[in-house]
Amino acid sequence: MRYKINYYALILLLISTHSLLALNAYADESNSLRERILEEIKTVIKDDDLANQILEIRLKRDSHRFKPTTSEKLEIRPEIETPQSSNQPLAKTPSKNSDTSTSEHLKSIAPTNFTKNRLGFSYASIGTDFSVGYSAFVSEGISLRGEVFGRSYNESSQQLANSQYVLNTNNLSLGVYTDWHILNTPFRLSTGLNINHIRTSLTPNTGMMVLNGKPISLGDDLFKVEFRFPKVSPYIGIVYANDTDQQDGLHLYGELGIMVGKYNASATTSMVDKKGITSADIDTELNTLRKSLYKWDFIPRASVGLIYRFH
């Protein structure tokens, strides 16, 4: 009986010793965890009292879910909340990595002026001519625009250089432009090229005319003048496109610009060396008519219209 009692006592002693060792190991590991957390907190917070307060908050917050291991690497969160005390209010200390990642995230989701406006639009306008076109954004602050415009009309009678003429005008152009957006305004500087088919023809409206100051009767003779604008001409202008509103529907559009070029003149006539008319008279009359019709070496353009945006 004596040996059984000693045997049980030995078992109790072993159990007690194991429990004490386990408690000591847990206490040592907890102390080691506290020291490591405190050390990392102090790399950010230099005040000892404040660091200890943060340590207690951290341990209470993570006690229900944090299971430390000796090989685990602890990380300080990007933002550390500091407790409110009588001398110091709550504050947040963001890390550099947090600022960078937050900034990059905001840039990725925040619409810039370009992404906001990157959808193109169709438009139509009327003024010195009728035009239709389409504008598409290619990069921030720059868009490409294609346009077809023109006008055809007849005038039964117009007095030019002391004679009455019938005018027949046929204008048609295809334009390709680069629009440079001016700051954050609806205005754009537009530059590009036009491919033109622009013609104006003149024929005398009566049987009498004055040619280089010489009154003549046409009779069966022919006199016809044709003016041609260059087939390719540069263009520069200012465009107003109120396209900042991305809603579908109609918006205001306007354009003011010039097509640079000089009209070429030619005459078809059977009167040379007749009725006292020479080639020099014909050339002089052509220059006089050109100056009467086209005072500048460019064609002005001005139009207003509407943008139609759709997704």
Protein backbone atom coordinates (compact mmCIF):
# COMPACT_ATOMS: atom_id res chain seq x y z
CA MET A 1 0.00 0.00 0.00
CA ARG A 2 2.87 2.30 0.75
CA TYR A 3 4.26 1.95 -2.78
CA LYS A 4 0.88 2.79 -4.39
CA ILE A 5 0.58 6.00 -2.40
CA ASN A 6 4.08 7.04 -3.47
CA TYR A 7 3.29 6.17 -7.08
CA TYR A 8 0.22 8.45 -7.13
CA ALA A 9 2.20 11.16 -5.44
CA LEU A 10 4.83 10.86 -8.15
CA ILE A 11 2.16 11.19 -10.84
CA LEU A 12 0.75 14.36 -9.22
CA LEU A 13 4.24 15.77 -8.92
CA LEU A 14 4.91 15.19 -12.64
CA ILE A 15 1.62 16.77 -13.64
CA SER A 16 2.29 19.82 -11.50
CA THR A 17 5.81 20.16 -12.85
CA HIS A 18 4.60 19.92 -16.47
CA SER A 19 1.91 22.56 -15.83
CA LEU A 20 4.44 24.91 -14.29
CA LEU A 21 6.82 24.42 -17.20
CA ALA A 22 4.01 25.07 -19.70
CA LEU A 23 2.97 28.22 -17.87
CA ASN A 24 6.54 29.44 -17.76
CA ALA A 25 6.98 28.73 -21.49
CA TYR A 26 3.75 30.59 -22.33
CA ALA A 27 4.80 33.49 -20.11
CA ASP A 28 8.23 33.59 -21.77
CA GLU A 29 6.66 33.50 -25.24
CA SER A 30 4.14 36.20 -24.29
CA ASN A 31 6.91 38.39 -22.93
CA SER A 32 8.94 37.83 -26.07
CA LEU A 33 5.90 38.76 -28.19
CA ARG A 34 5.33 41.93 -26.17
CA GLU A 35 8.96 42.92 -26.53
CA ARG A 36 8.96 42.39 -30.27
CA ILE A 37 5.70 44.33 -30.75
CA LEU A 38 6.94 47.13 -28.51
CA GLU A 39 10.24 47.29 -30.35
CA GLU A 40 8.50 47.64 -33.71
CA ILE A 41 6.09 50.24 -32.36
CA LYS A 42 9.01 52.29 -31.11
CA THR A 43 10.43 52.46 -34.59
CA VAL A 44 7.44 54.69 -35.37
CA ILE A 45 6.50 56.18 -31.97
CA LYS A 46 9.42 57.56 -29.95
CA ASP A 47 7.42 58.37 -26.79
CA ASP A 48 7.68 55.43 -24.32
CA ASP A 49 4.36 56.03 -22.55
CA LEU A 50 2.50 56.39 -25.81
CA ALA A 51 4.20 53.29 -27.22
CA ASN A 52 3.11 51.24 -24.16
CA GLN A 53 -0.46 52.44 -24.54
CA ILE A 54 -0.46 51.45 -28.20
CA LEU A 55 1.00 48.05 -27.21
CA GLU A 56 -1.87 47.37 -24.81
CA ILE A 57 -4.46 48.35 -27.42
CA ARG A 58 -2.77 46.15 -29.99
CA LEU A 59 -2.62 43.13 -27.66
CA LYS A 60 -6.27 43.50 -26.63
CA ARG A 61 -7.40 43.85 -30.22
CA ASP A 62 -5.43 40.87 -31.48
CA SER A 63 -5.77 38.58 -28.45
CA HIS A 64 -8.85 36.83 -29.85
CA ARG A 65 -7.32 36.03 -33.21
CA PHE A 66 -3.54 36.26 -32.96
CA LYS A 67 -1.62 33.06 -32.27
CA PRO A 68 2.08 33.92 -32.08
CA THR A 69 4.82 31.60 -33.22
CA THR A 70 8.54 31.99 -32.80
CA SER A 71 9.07 32.15 -36.57
CA GLU A 72 6.30 34.67 -37.28
CA LYS A 73 7.34 38.14 -38.49
CA LEU A 74 5.17 40.85 -37.03
CA GLU A 75 4.17 43.83 -39.17
CA ILE A 76 3.12 47.30 -38.11
CA ARG A 77 -0.12 48.27 -39.80
CA PRO A 78 -0.01 51.18 -42.30
CA GLU A 79 -2.04 53.30 -39.91
CA ILE A 80 -1.59 53.21 -36.11
CA GLU A 81 -4.37 54.61 -34.00
CA THR A 82 -3.20 56.47 -30.92
CA PRO A 83 -5.47 56.62 -27.88
CA GLN A 84 -6.97 59.85 -26.67
CA SER A 85 -5.47 61.19 -23.48
CA SER A 86 -5.76 64.40 -21.61
CA ASN A 87 -2.71 65.84 -23.38
CA GLN A 88 -2.80 64.25 -26.80
CA PRO A 89 -5.77 63.74 -29.18
CA LEU A 90 -6.34 60.76 -31.38
CA ALA A 91 -3.99 60.72 -34.34
CA LYS A 92 -3.13 58.52 -37.27
CA THR A 93 0.41 57.99 -38.44
CA PRO A 94 0.37 56.72 -42.04
CA SER A 95 3.40 54.95 -43.43
CA LYS A 96 5.12 55.97 -46.68
CA ASN A 97 3.97 52.77 -48.36
CA SER A 98 0.41 53.55 -47.35
CA ASP A 99 0.62 57.03 -48.91
CA THR A 100 2.05 55.65 -52.13
CA SER A 101 -0.47 52.84 -52.49
CA THR A 102 -3.37 55.13 -51.61
CA SER A 103 -2.22 57.74 -54.10
CA GLU A 104 -1.84 55.15 -56.84
CA HIS A 105 -5.26 53.73 -56.05
CA LEU A 106 -6.89 57.15 -56.22
CA LYS A 107 -5.18 57.86 -59.54
CA SER A 108 -6.49 54.60 -60.96
CA ILE A 109 -10.11 55.28 -60.02
CA ALA A 110 -10.27 59.08 -60.31
CA PRO A 111 -11.43 60.23 -63.77
CA THR A 112 -8.97 62.61 -65.38
CA ASN A 113 -10.01 65.23 -67.89
CA PHE A 114 -8.90 62.96 -70.70
CA THR A 115 -10.65 59.78 -69.53
CA LYS A 116 -13.75 61.82 -68.84
CA ASN A 117 -13.78 63.17 -72.38
CA ARG A 118 -12.26 60.32 -74.32
CA LEU A 119 -15.55 59.48 -76.01
CA GLY A 120 -15.86 61.15 -79.42
CA PHE A 121 -18.80 63.03 -80.84
CA SER A 122 -20.50 63.75 -84.15
CA TYR A 123 -21.44 67.27 -85.14
CA ALA A 124 -23.12 69.33 -87.84
CA SER A 125 -22.86 73.06 -88.42
CA ILE A 126 -23.91 75.73 -90.88
CA GLY A 127 -22.50 79.15 -91.74
CA THR A 128 -20.27 80.03 -94.68
CA ASP A 129 -20.77 76.37 -95.59
CA PHE A 130 -22.54 73.28 -94.36
CA SER A 131 -20.37 70.73 -92.54
CA VAL A 132 -20.62 67.36 -90.84
CA GLY A 133 -17.82 65.64 -88.98
CA TYR A 134 -16.59 63.42 -86.20
CA SER A 135 -14.05 64.11 -83.44
CA ALA A 136 -12.20 61.43 -81.46
CA PHE A 137 -9.72 61.75 -78.60
CA VAL A 138 -6.31 60.17 -79.14
CA SER A 139 -4.47 61.36 -76.01
CA GLU A 140 -4.91 63.81 -73.19
CA GLY A 141 -5.44 67.26 -74.61
CA ILE A 142 -5.36 66.14 -78.26
CA SER A 143 -8.08 64.91 -80.58
CA LEU A 144 -8.39 64.12 -84.27
CA ARG A 145 -11.24 65.42 -86.37
CA GLY A 146 -12.52 64.56 -89.81
CA GLU A 147 -14.95 66.80 -91.64
CA VAL A 148 -16.77 67.13 -94.95
CA PHE A 149 -18.07 70.57 -95.84
CA GLY A 150 -19.15 72.57 -98.83
CA ARG A 151 -21.70 74.75 -100.51
CA SER A 152 -23.08 75.07 -104.03
CA TYR A 153 -25.12 78.02 -105.25
CA ASN A 154 -25.94 80.10 -108.31
CA GLU A 155 -26.35 83.84 -108.61
CA SER A 156 -28.35 84.93 -111.63
CA SER A 157 -26.68 88.30 -111.87
CA GLN A 158 -23.82 90.13 -110.17
CA GLN A 159 -21.95 93.18 -111.38
CA LEU A 160 -18.20 92.76 -111.48
CA ALA A 161 -15.70 95.07 -113.26
CA ASN A 162 -18.47 97.05 -114.95
CA SER A 163 -20.16 93.95 -116.40
CA GLN A 164 -23.03 91.70 -115.40
CA TYR A 165 -22.11 88.03 -114.74
CA VAL A 166 -23.86 84.83 -113.81
CA LEU A 167 -21.96 83.05 -110.98
CA ASN A 168 -21.96 79.31 -110.50
CA THR A 169 -20.13 78.12 -107.37
CA ASN A 170 -19.42 74.54 -106.41
CA ASN A 171 -17.41 74.07 -103.18
CA LEU A 172 -16.65 70.71 -101.59
CA SER A 173 -13.81 69.88 -99.19
CA LEU A 174 -12.58 67.06 -96.99
CA GLY A 175 -10.64 68.17 -93.91
CA VAL A 176 -8.42 66.24 -91.51
CA TYR A 177 -7.42 68.19 -88.39
CA THR A 178 -5.58 67.90 -85.11
CA ASP A 179 -7.32 69.78 -82.30
CA TRP A 180 -5.16 71.01 -79.43
CA HIS A 181 -7.27 71.55 -76.32
CA ILE A 182 -6.60 74.93 -74.71
CA LEU A 183 -6.11 74.32 -70.96
CA ASN A 184 -9.38 73.15 -69.41
CA THR A 185 -11.66 75.27 -71.60
CA PRO A 186 -14.03 74.18 -74.38
CA PHE A 187 -11.79 75.95 -76.92
CA ARG A 188 -9.33 74.17 -79.22
CA LEU A 189 -6.65 75.27 -81.63
CA SER A 190 -7.24 73.37 -84.86
CA THR A 191 -4.63 72.76 -87.56
CA GLY A 192 -4.71 70.46 -90.57
CA LEU A 193 -5.16 70.04 -94.30
CA ASN A 194 -8.08 70.27 -96.70
CA ILE A 195 -8.53 68.39 -99.94
CA ASN A 196 -10.62 70.67 -102.12
CA HIS A 197 -12.83 70.77 -105.15
CA ILE A 198 -13.69 74.48 -105.16
CA ARG A 199 -14.77 76.09 -108.42
CA THR A 200 -16.45 79.35 -109.42
CA SER A 201 -17.41 80.09 -113.01
CA LEU A 202 -18.48 83.43 -114.54
CA THR A 203 -20.33 84.02 -117.79
CA PRO A 204 -21.67 87.35 -119.08
CA ASN A 205 -25.34 87.84 -118.34
CA THR A 206 -26.01 90.12 -121.33
CA GLY A 207 -24.77 90.53 -124.86
CA MET A 208 -22.78 93.62 -123.87
CA MET A 209 -19.77 93.74 -121.54
CA VAL A 210 -16.74 95.84 -120.69
CA LEU A 211 -13.45 94.00 -121.06
CA ASN A 212 -10.44 95.83 -119.64
CA GLY A 213 -12.28 99.11 -120.08
CA LYS A 214 -13.32 98.34 -123.67
CA PRO A 215 -17.09 98.09 -124.36
CA ILE A 216 -17.79 95.20 -126.72
CA SER A 217 -20.73 93.29 -128.10
CA LEU A 218 -20.33 89.54 -127.63
CA GLY A 219 -22.57 88.39 -130.44
CA ASP A 220 -21.65 84.74 -131.05
CA ASP A 221 -18.29 85.01 -129.28
CA LEU A 222 -17.56 83.14 -126.07
CA PHE A 223 -16.13 84.51 -122.85
CA LYS A 224 -16.11 82.32 -119.74
CA VAL A 225 -13.96 82.66 -116.62
CA GLU A 226 -13.23 79.92 -114.08
CA PHE A 227 -11.56 80.30 -110.69
CA ARG A 228 -10.04 77.27 -108.94
CA PHE A 229 -8.85 77.06 -105.37
CA PRO A 230 -5.78 74.81 -104.73
CA LYS A 231 -6.59 71.11 -104.39
CA VAL A 232 -4.68 70.89 -101.10
CA SER A 233 -4.62 73.77 -98.64
CA PRO A 234 -3.56 74.25 -95.00
CA TYR A 235 -6.15 75.14 -92.40
CA ILE A 236 -5.95 76.88 -89.03
CA GLY A 237 -8.84 77.78 -86.79
CA ILE A 238 -10.42 77.96 -83.35
CA VAL A 239 -13.09 75.44 -82.39
CA TYR A 240 -15.59 75.71 -79.56
CA ALA A 241 -16.86 72.29 -78.52
CA ASN A 242 -18.92 72.21 -75.36
CA ASP A 243 -18.31 68.49 -74.85
CA THR A 244 -17.39 68.39 -71.16
CA ASP A 245 -20.85 67.12 -70.35
CA GLN A 246 -20.75 63.39 -71.04
CA GLN A 247 -24.52 63.02 -71.20
CA ASP A 248 -25.98 61.76 -74.45
CA GLY A 249 -27.71 64.36 -76.57
CA LEU A 250 -27.05 67.75 -78.13
CA HIS A 251 -24.39 70.31 -77.21
CA LEU A 252 -23.16 73.58 -78.70
CA TYR A 253 -20.45 73.70 -81.40
CA GLY A 254 -18.75 76.58 -83.22
CA GLU A 255 -15.77 77.11 -85.53
CA LEU A 256 -13.85 80.06 -86.93
CA GLY A 257 -10.86 79.61 -89.26
CA ILE A 258 -9.18 80.17 -92.61
CA MET A 259 -8.20 77.97 -95.56
CA VAL A 260 -4.93 79.37 -96.92
CA GLY A 261 -4.56 79.53 -100.70
CA LYS A 262 -4.90 81.73 -103.79
CA TYR A 263 -7.44 81.22 -106.53
CA ASN A 264 -6.10 80.45 -109.98
CA ALA A 265 -8.00 82.07 -112.86
CA SER A 266 -8.42 80.91 -116.44
CA ALA A 267 -10.51 82.17 -119.35
CA THR A 268 -12.12 80.42 -122.28
CA THR A 269 -12.76 82.90 -125.08
CA SER A 270 -12.94 83.32 -128.82
CA MET A 271 -12.39 87.08 -128.78
CA VAL A 272 -8.61 87.25 -128.84
CA ASP A 273 -7.45 89.32 -131.83
CA LYS A 274 -11.07 90.26 -132.48
CA LYS A 275 -12.79 93.55 -131.84
CA GLY A 276 -9.51 95.02 -130.66
CA ILE A 277 -9.12 92.49 -127.79
CA THR A 278 -5.64 91.11 -127.04
CA SER A 279 -4.29 88.45 -124.68
CA ALA A 280 -3.09 91.23 -122.38
CA ASP A 281 -6.67 92.51 -122.14
CA ILE A 282 -7.85 89.05 -121.11
CA ASP A 283 -5.15 88.73 -118.41
CA THR A 284 -5.93 92.16 -117.02
CA GLU A 285 -9.64 91.37 -116.88
CA LEU A 286 -8.95 88.09 -115.05
CA ASN A 287 -6.90 89.88 -112.38
CA THR A 288 -9.60 92.54 -112.00
CA LEU A 289 -12.32 89.92 -111.57
CA ARG A 290 -10.24 87.93 -109.10
CA LYS A 291 -9.65 91.02 -106.94
CA SER A 292 -13.35 91.82 -107.05
CA LEU A 293 -14.39 88.35 -105.91
CA TYR A 294 -11.46 87.31 -103.68
CA LYS A 295 -9.72 90.09 -101.84
CA TRP A 296 -7.49 87.81 -99.72
CA ASP A 297 -5.32 84.77 -100.31
CA PHE A 298 -7.46 82.64 -98.06
CA ILE A 299 -11.07 81.56 -97.62
CA PRO A 300 -12.62 82.45 -94.25
CA ARG A 301 -14.84 79.94 -92.50
CA ALA A 302 -17.36 80.59 -89.76
CA SER A 303 -20.08 78.23 -88.59
CA VAL A 304 -22.19 77.28 -85.60
CA GLY A 305 -23.94 74.02 -84.97
CA LEU A 306 -24.63 71.17 -82.60
CA ILE A 307 -22.71 68.22 -81.22
CA TYR A 308 -24.53 64.94 -80.91
CA ARG A 309 -23.01 62.55 -78.40
CA PHE A 310 -24.06 58.94 -78.07
CA HIS A 311 -22.60 55.83 -76.40
